[in-house]
Amino acid sequence: MNGLASQEFDALRQTIRSRGTARPIMFLVGLATWAATLLAILLLLQNPIASVVPLLVLLATFETVRSLHLGVERIGRYVQVFFEEGVGNQAPVAAPAWEHTAMIFGPGAPGAGVHPFFQPVFMLATLANLLAVLLPAPLLVEMATLLVPHVAFLVWIIHCNRKMRKQRAIELARFRQIRSALAQ
């Protein structure tokens, strides 16, 4: 690797490292903020419509975590294609080989780590957020109306999870296509 390529590789790995570290931190900070907001709503503002406030905190936290993850994945696929792969998309035997190794390891080891979006926690938190709707004893119309954003958020989480599972393959193919076009 020449000097400029080495600097680019180092910068990209540093970006992956920093965003990878920021993701669980943002998750924990966001979840703590959501919990504090929900508690404040439950104690001080017992009105079902107030449940939307902690739900928005939860949504903002989810989107922050999701964007950090998607960015890391995209950079990882770029590193894989432009720094690790040889002719014919062959996986390297020697360093740098982290991205290839991580992709091979991931699918073969179910339960080897946490969900990248912390999906189960967000889904449980969304259900817990319904306490702010249910505890003030809402009218049926209030309850039905406020279930809509909660269910919509749950559907969004599931949708994002499905898209995330396809992201690696799609972006890997796209970066290979770009590399081929640049080589011509």
C-alpha atoms as a PDB file:
ATOM      1  CA  MET A   1       0.000   0.000   0.000  1.00  0.00           C
ATOM      2  CA  ASN A   2       1.437   3.388  -0.968  1.00  0.00           C
ATOM      3  CA  GLY A   3       1.515   6.365   1.403  1.00  0.00           C
ATOM      4  CA  LEU A   4      -1.772   7.969   0.370  1.00  0.00           C
ATOM      5  CA  ALA A   5      -3.620   4.637   0.304  1.00  0.00           C
ATOM      6  CA  SER A   6      -2.195   3.785   3.708  1.00  0.00           C
ATOM      7  CA  GLN A   7      -3.371   7.117   5.106  1.00  0.00           C
ATOM      8  CA  GLU A   8      -6.829   6.592   3.626  1.00  0.00           C
ATOM      9  CA  PHE A   9      -7.001   3.076   5.063  1.00  0.00           C
ATOM     10  CA  ASP A  10      -5.932   4.326   8.506  1.00  0.00           C
ATOM     11  CA  ALA A  11      -8.493   7.154   8.411  1.00  0.00           C
ATOM     12  CA  LEU A  12     -11.278   4.784   7.394  1.00  0.00           C
ATOM     13  CA  ARG A  13     -10.408   2.264  10.110  1.00  0.00           C
ATOM     14  CA  GLN A  14     -10.323   5.112  12.654  1.00  0.00           C
ATOM     15  CA  THR A  15     -13.752   6.250  11.472  1.00  0.00           C
ATOM     16  CA  ILE A  16     -15.109   2.720  11.849  1.00  0.00           C
ATOM     17  CA  ARG A  17     -13.564   2.473  15.312  1.00  0.00           C
ATOM     18  CA  SER A  18     -14.929   5.809  16.533  1.00  0.00           C
ATOM     19  CA  ARG A  19     -18.429   5.267  15.135  1.00  0.00           C
ATOM     20  CA  GLY A  20     -18.451   1.728  16.450  1.00  0.00           C
ATOM     21  CA  THR A  21     -17.647   3.098  19.895  1.00  0.00           C
ATOM     22  CA  ALA A  22     -20.183   5.913  19.609  1.00  0.00           C
ATOM     23  CA  ARG A  23     -23.060   3.565  18.748  1.00  0.00           C
ATOM     24  CA  PRO A  24     -23.479   1.823  22.137  1.00  0.00           C
ATOM     25  CA  ILE A  25     -22.726   5.073  23.958  1.00  0.00           C
ATOM     26  CA  MET A  26     -25.461   6.888  22.031  1.00  0.00           C
ATOM     27  CA  PHE A  27     -27.767   3.950  22.677  1.00  0.00           C
ATOM     28  CA  LEU A  28     -27.192   4.082  26.432  1.00  0.00           C
ATOM     29  CA  VAL A  29     -27.458   7.873  26.620  1.00  0.00           C
ATOM     30  CA  GLY A  30     -30.603   7.848  24.493  1.00  0.00           C
ATOM     31  CA  LEU A  31     -32.178   5.041  26.473  1.00  0.00           C
ATOM     32  CA  ALA A  32     -31.420   6.807  29.761  1.00  0.00           C
ATOM     33  CA  THR A  33     -32.892  10.034  28.368  1.00  0.00           C
ATOM     34  CA  TRP A  34     -35.985   8.150  27.221  1.00  0.00           C
ATOM     35  CA  ALA A  35     -36.396   6.490  30.634  1.00  0.00           C
ATOM     36  CA  ALA A  36     -36.043   9.826  32.445  1.00  0.00           C
ATOM     37  CA  THR A  37     -38.515  11.459  30.068  1.00  0.00           C
ATOM     38  CA  LEU A  38     -40.995   8.615  30.470  1.00  0.00           C
ATOM     39  CA  LEU A  39     -40.685   8.754  34.249  1.00  0.00           C
ATOM     40  CA  ALA A  40     -41.228  12.517  34.237  1.00  0.00           C
ATOM     41  CA  ILE A  41     -44.305  12.110  32.033  1.00  0.00           C
ATOM     42  CA  LEU A  42     -45.702   9.371  34.263  1.00  0.00           C
ATOM     43  CA  LEU A  43     -45.168  11.414  37.425  1.00  0.00           C
ATOM     44  CA  LEU A  44     -45.836  14.976  36.312  1.00  0.00           C
ATOM     45  CA  LEU A  45     -47.933  15.017  33.175  1.00  0.00           C
ATOM     46  CA  GLN A  46     -50.474  12.256  33.307  1.00  0.00           C
ATOM     47  CA  ASN A  47     -52.062  12.869  29.968  1.00  0.00           C
ATOM     48  CA  PRO A  48     -52.023  10.131  27.319  1.00  0.00           C
ATOM     49  CA  ILE A  49     -50.917  12.509  24.551  1.00  0.00           C
ATOM     50  CA  ALA A  50     -47.725  13.132  26.525  1.00  0.00           C
ATOM     51  CA  SER A  51     -46.603   9.588  25.631  1.00  0.00           C
ATOM     52  CA  VAL A  52     -45.515  10.965  22.283  1.00  0.00           C
ATOM     53  CA  VAL A  53     -42.642  12.913  23.895  1.00  0.00           C
ATOM     54  CA  PRO A  54     -40.683   9.898  25.199  1.00  0.00           C
ATOM     55  CA  LEU A  55     -41.582   8.020  22.013  1.00  0.00           C
ATOM     56  CA  LEU A  56     -39.881  10.772  20.002  1.00  0.00           C
ATOM     57  CA  VAL A  57     -36.795  10.448  22.220  1.00  0.00           C
ATOM     58  CA  LEU A  58     -36.815   6.716  21.536  1.00  0.00           C
ATOM     59  CA  LEU A  59     -37.199   7.291  17.798  1.00  0.00           C
ATOM     60  CA  ALA A  60     -34.352   9.821  17.740  1.00  0.00           C
ATOM     61  CA  THR A  61     -32.128   7.393  19.623  1.00  0.00           C
ATOM     62  CA  PHE A  62     -32.979   4.562  17.242  1.00  0.00           C
ATOM     63  CA  GLU A  63     -32.245   6.705  14.191  1.00  0.00           C
ATOM     64  CA  THR A  64     -28.924   7.830  15.670  1.00  0.00           C
ATOM     65  CA  VAL A  65     -27.871   4.250  16.379  1.00  0.00           C
ATOM     66  CA  ARG A  66     -29.083   3.121  12.962  1.00  0.00           C
ATOM     67  CA  SER A  67     -27.240   5.840  11.067  1.00  0.00           C
ATOM     68  CA  LEU A  68     -24.010   5.107  12.928  1.00  0.00           C
ATOM     69  CA  HIS A  69     -24.336   1.412  12.117  1.00  0.00           C
ATOM     70  CA  LEU A  70     -25.169   1.963   8.448  1.00  0.00           C
ATOM     71  CA  GLY A  71     -22.225   4.331   8.057  1.00  0.00           C
ATOM     72  CA  VAL A  72     -19.821   1.854   9.622  1.00  0.00           C
ATOM     73  CA  GLU A  73     -21.122  -0.920   7.383  1.00  0.00           C
ATOM     74  CA  ARG A  74     -20.753   1.195   4.257  1.00  0.00           C
ATOM     75  CA  ILE A  75     -17.190   2.173   5.113  1.00  0.00           C
ATOM     76  CA  GLY A  76     -16.443  -1.456   5.940  1.00  0.00           C
ATOM     77  CA  ARG A  77     -17.616  -2.620   2.528  1.00  0.00           C
ATOM     78  CA  TYR A  78     -15.510   0.093   0.881  1.00  0.00           C
ATOM     79  CA  VAL A  79     -12.451  -1.062   2.815  1.00  0.00           C
ATOM     80  CA  GLN A  80     -13.220  -4.651   1.912  1.00  0.00           C
ATOM     81  CA  VAL A  81     -13.490  -3.985  -1.819  1.00  0.00           C
ATOM     82  CA  PHE A  82     -10.817  -1.344  -2.317  1.00  0.00           C
ATOM     83  CA  PHE A  83      -8.206  -2.458   0.222  1.00  0.00           C
ATOM     84  CA  GLU A  84      -8.690  -6.162   0.876  1.00  0.00           C
ATOM     85  CA  GLU A  85      -9.953  -7.878  -2.247  1.00  0.00           C
ATOM     86  CA  GLY A  86      -7.726  -9.073  -4.999  1.00  0.00           C
ATOM     87  CA  VAL A  87      -8.562 -10.038  -8.536  1.00  0.00           C
ATOM     88  CA  GLY A  88     -11.785 -12.016  -8.746  1.00  0.00           C
ATOM     89  CA  ASN A  89     -13.021 -10.749  -5.372  1.00  0.00           C
ATOM     90  CA  GLN A  90     -10.788 -13.211  -3.550  1.00  0.00           C
ATOM     91  CA  ALA A  91     -10.577 -12.928   0.211  1.00  0.00           C
ATOM     92  CA  PRO A  92      -7.092 -12.032   1.404  1.00  0.00           C
ATOM     93  CA  VAL A  93      -5.017 -14.432   3.451  1.00  0.00           C
ATOM     94  CA  ALA A  94      -2.842 -11.744   5.030  1.00  0.00           C
ATOM     95  CA  ALA A  95      -3.632  -8.346   6.514  1.00  0.00           C
ATOM     96  CA  PRO A  96      -5.607  -6.266   5.864  1.00  0.00           C
ATOM     97  CA  ALA A  97      -8.359  -8.855   6.105  1.00  0.00           C
ATOM     98  CA  TRP A  98     -10.624  -7.720   8.943  1.00  0.00           C
ATOM     99  CA  GLU A  99     -13.731  -6.969   6.864  1.00  0.00           C
ATOM    100  CA  HIS A 100     -13.619 -10.315   5.066  1.00  0.00           C
ATOM    101  CA  THR A 101     -12.956 -12.166   8.287  1.00  0.00           C
ATOM    102  CA  ALA A 102     -15.808 -10.400  10.086  1.00  0.00           C
ATOM    103  CA  MET A 103     -18.246 -11.205   7.271  1.00  0.00           C
ATOM    104  CA  ILE A 104     -17.259 -14.866   7.267  1.00  0.00           C
ATOM    105  CA  PHE A 105     -17.395 -15.103  11.057  1.00  0.00           C
ATOM    106  CA  GLY A 106     -20.721 -13.279  11.484  1.00  0.00           C
ATOM    107  CA  PRO A 107     -23.213 -15.576   9.756  1.00  0.00           C
ATOM    108  CA  GLY A 108     -21.562 -18.732  11.062  1.00  0.00           C
ATOM    109  CA  ALA A 109     -21.875 -17.737  14.704  1.00  0.00           C
ATOM    110  CA  PRO A 110     -25.504 -17.097  15.643  1.00  0.00           C
ATOM    111  CA  GLY A 111     -25.864 -15.200  18.867  1.00  0.00           C
ATOM    112  CA  ALA A 112     -22.225 -14.114  18.728  1.00  0.00           C
ATOM    113  CA  GLY A 113     -23.106 -10.547  19.564  1.00  0.00           C
ATOM    114  CA  VAL A 114     -25.809  -8.015  20.213  1.00  0.00           C
ATOM    115  CA  HIS A 115     -28.214  -6.812  17.576  1.00  0.00           C
ATOM    116  CA  PRO A 116     -26.534  -3.929  15.707  1.00  0.00           C
ATOM    117  CA  PHE A 117     -29.628  -1.735  16.138  1.00  0.00           C
ATOM    118  CA  PHE A 118     -30.404  -3.043  19.644  1.00  0.00           C
ATOM    119  CA  GLN A 119     -33.766  -4.020  18.147  1.00  0.00           C
ATOM    120  CA  PRO A 120     -35.123  -6.111  21.045  1.00  0.00           C
ATOM    121  CA  VAL A 121     -34.449  -3.323  23.532  1.00  0.00           C
ATOM    122  CA  PHE A 122     -36.088  -0.684  21.346  1.00  0.00           C
ATOM    123  CA  MET A 123     -39.134  -2.880  20.869  1.00  0.00           C
ATOM    124  CA  LEU A 124     -39.466  -3.523  24.599  1.00  0.00           C
ATOM    125  CA  ALA A 125     -38.959   0.164  25.351  1.00  0.00           C
ATOM    126  CA  THR A 126     -41.693   1.048  22.862  1.00  0.00           C
ATOM    127  CA  LEU A 127     -44.065  -1.320  24.620  1.00  0.00           C
ATOM    128  CA  ALA A 128     -43.045   0.122  28.001  1.00  0.00           C
ATOM    129  CA  ASN A 129     -43.717   3.581  26.604  1.00  0.00           C
ATOM    130  CA  LEU A 130     -47.362   2.576  26.317  1.00  0.00           C
ATOM    131  CA  LEU A 131     -47.536   2.943  30.104  1.00  0.00           C
ATOM    132  CA  ALA A 132     -47.765   6.678  29.511  1.00  0.00           C
ATOM    133  CA  VAL A 133     -50.859   5.989  27.416  1.00  0.00           C
ATOM    134  CA  LEU A 134     -52.503   3.374  29.616  1.00  0.00           C
ATOM    135  CA  LEU A 135     -51.894   4.600  33.174  1.00  0.00           C
ATOM    136  CA  PRO A 136     -53.888   7.845  32.906  1.00  0.00           C
ATOM    137  CA  ALA A 137     -56.943   5.731  31.951  1.00  0.00           C
ATOM    138  CA  PRO A 138     -57.498   7.187  28.487  1.00  0.00           C
ATOM    139  CA  LEU A 139     -60.696   7.256  26.539  1.00  0.00           C
ATOM    140  CA  LEU A 140     -60.939   4.543  23.912  1.00  0.00           C
ATOM    141  CA  VAL A 141     -60.422   7.066  21.120  1.00  0.00           C
ATOM    142  CA  GLU A 142     -57.272   8.406  22.837  1.00  0.00           C
ATOM    143  CA  MET A 143     -55.871   4.932  23.312  1.00  0.00           C
ATOM    144  CA  ALA A 144     -56.585   3.925  19.722  1.00  0.00           C
ATOM    145  CA  THR A 145     -55.082   7.145  18.386  1.00  0.00           C
ATOM    146  CA  LEU A 146     -51.927   6.854  20.481  1.00  0.00           C
ATOM    147  CA  LEU A 147     -51.406   3.220  19.580  1.00  0.00           C
ATOM    148  CA  VAL A 148     -50.837   4.316  15.980  1.00  0.00           C
ATOM    149  CA  PRO A 149     -47.433   6.013  16.485  1.00  0.00           C
ATOM    150  CA  HIS A 150     -46.281   3.211  18.778  1.00  0.00           C
ATOM    151  CA  VAL A 151     -47.230   0.501  16.299  1.00  0.00           C
ATOM    152  CA  ALA A 152     -45.768   2.564  13.446  1.00  0.00           C
ATOM    153  CA  PHE A 153     -42.456   2.758  15.291  1.00  0.00           C
ATOM    154  CA  LEU A 154     -42.453  -1.004  15.906  1.00  0.00           C
ATOM    155  CA  VAL A 155     -43.135  -1.596  12.210  1.00  0.00           C
ATOM    156  CA  TRP A 156     -40.324   0.835  11.323  1.00  0.00           C
ATOM    157  CA  ILE A 157     -37.879  -1.059  13.550  1.00  0.00           C
ATOM    158  CA  ILE A 158     -38.794  -4.353  11.882  1.00  0.00           C
ATOM    159  CA  HIS A 159     -38.529  -2.785   8.414  1.00  0.00           C
ATOM    160  CA  CYS A 160     -35.103  -1.311   9.195  1.00  0.00           C
ATOM    161  CA  ASN A 161     -33.908  -4.653  10.509  1.00  0.00           C
ATOM    162  CA  ARG A 162     -34.926  -6.390   7.278  1.00  0.00           C
ATOM    163  CA  LYS A 163     -33.206  -3.745   5.155  1.00  0.00           C
ATOM    164  CA  MET A 164     -30.088  -3.871   7.329  1.00  0.00           C
ATOM    165  CA  ARG A 165     -29.772  -7.618   6.775  1.00  0.00           C
ATOM    166  CA  LYS A 166     -29.579  -7.035   3.008  1.00  0.00           C
ATOM    167  CA  GLN A 167     -27.303  -3.994   3.170  1.00  0.00           C
ATOM    168  CA  ARG A 168     -23.938  -5.776   3.166  1.00  0.00           C
ATOM    169  CA  ALA A 169     -24.594  -7.803   0.041  1.00  0.00           C
ATOM    170  CA  ILE A 170     -26.095  -4.852  -1.834  1.00  0.00           C
ATOM    171  CA  GLU A 171     -23.291  -2.457  -0.969  1.00  0.00           C
ATOM    172  CA  LEU A 172     -20.607  -5.063  -1.561  1.00  0.00           C
ATOM    173  CA  ALA A 173     -21.954  -5.635  -5.067  1.00  0.00           C
ATOM    174  CA  ARG A 174     -22.213  -1.886  -5.678  1.00  0.00           C
ATOM    175  CA  PHE A 175     -18.639  -1.179  -4.555  1.00  0.00           C
ATOM    176  CA  ARG A 176     -17.381  -4.037  -6.738  1.00  0.00           C
ATOM    177  CA  GLN A 177     -19.272  -2.527  -9.649  1.00  0.00           C
ATOM    178  CA  ILE A 178     -17.700   0.870  -8.946  1.00  0.00           C
ATOM    179  CA  ARG A 179     -14.228  -0.676  -8.678  1.00  0.00           C
ATOM    180  CA  SER A 180     -14.705  -2.435 -12.017  1.00  0.00           C
ATOM    181  CA  ALA A 181     -15.870   0.790 -13.655  1.00  0.00           C
ATOM    182  CA  LEU A 182     -12.874   2.689 -12.258  1.00  0.00           C
ATOM    183  CA  ALA A 183     -10.463   0.007 -13.490  1.00  0.00           C
ATOM    184  CA  GLN A 184     -11.576   0.452 -17.106  1.00  0.00           C
END
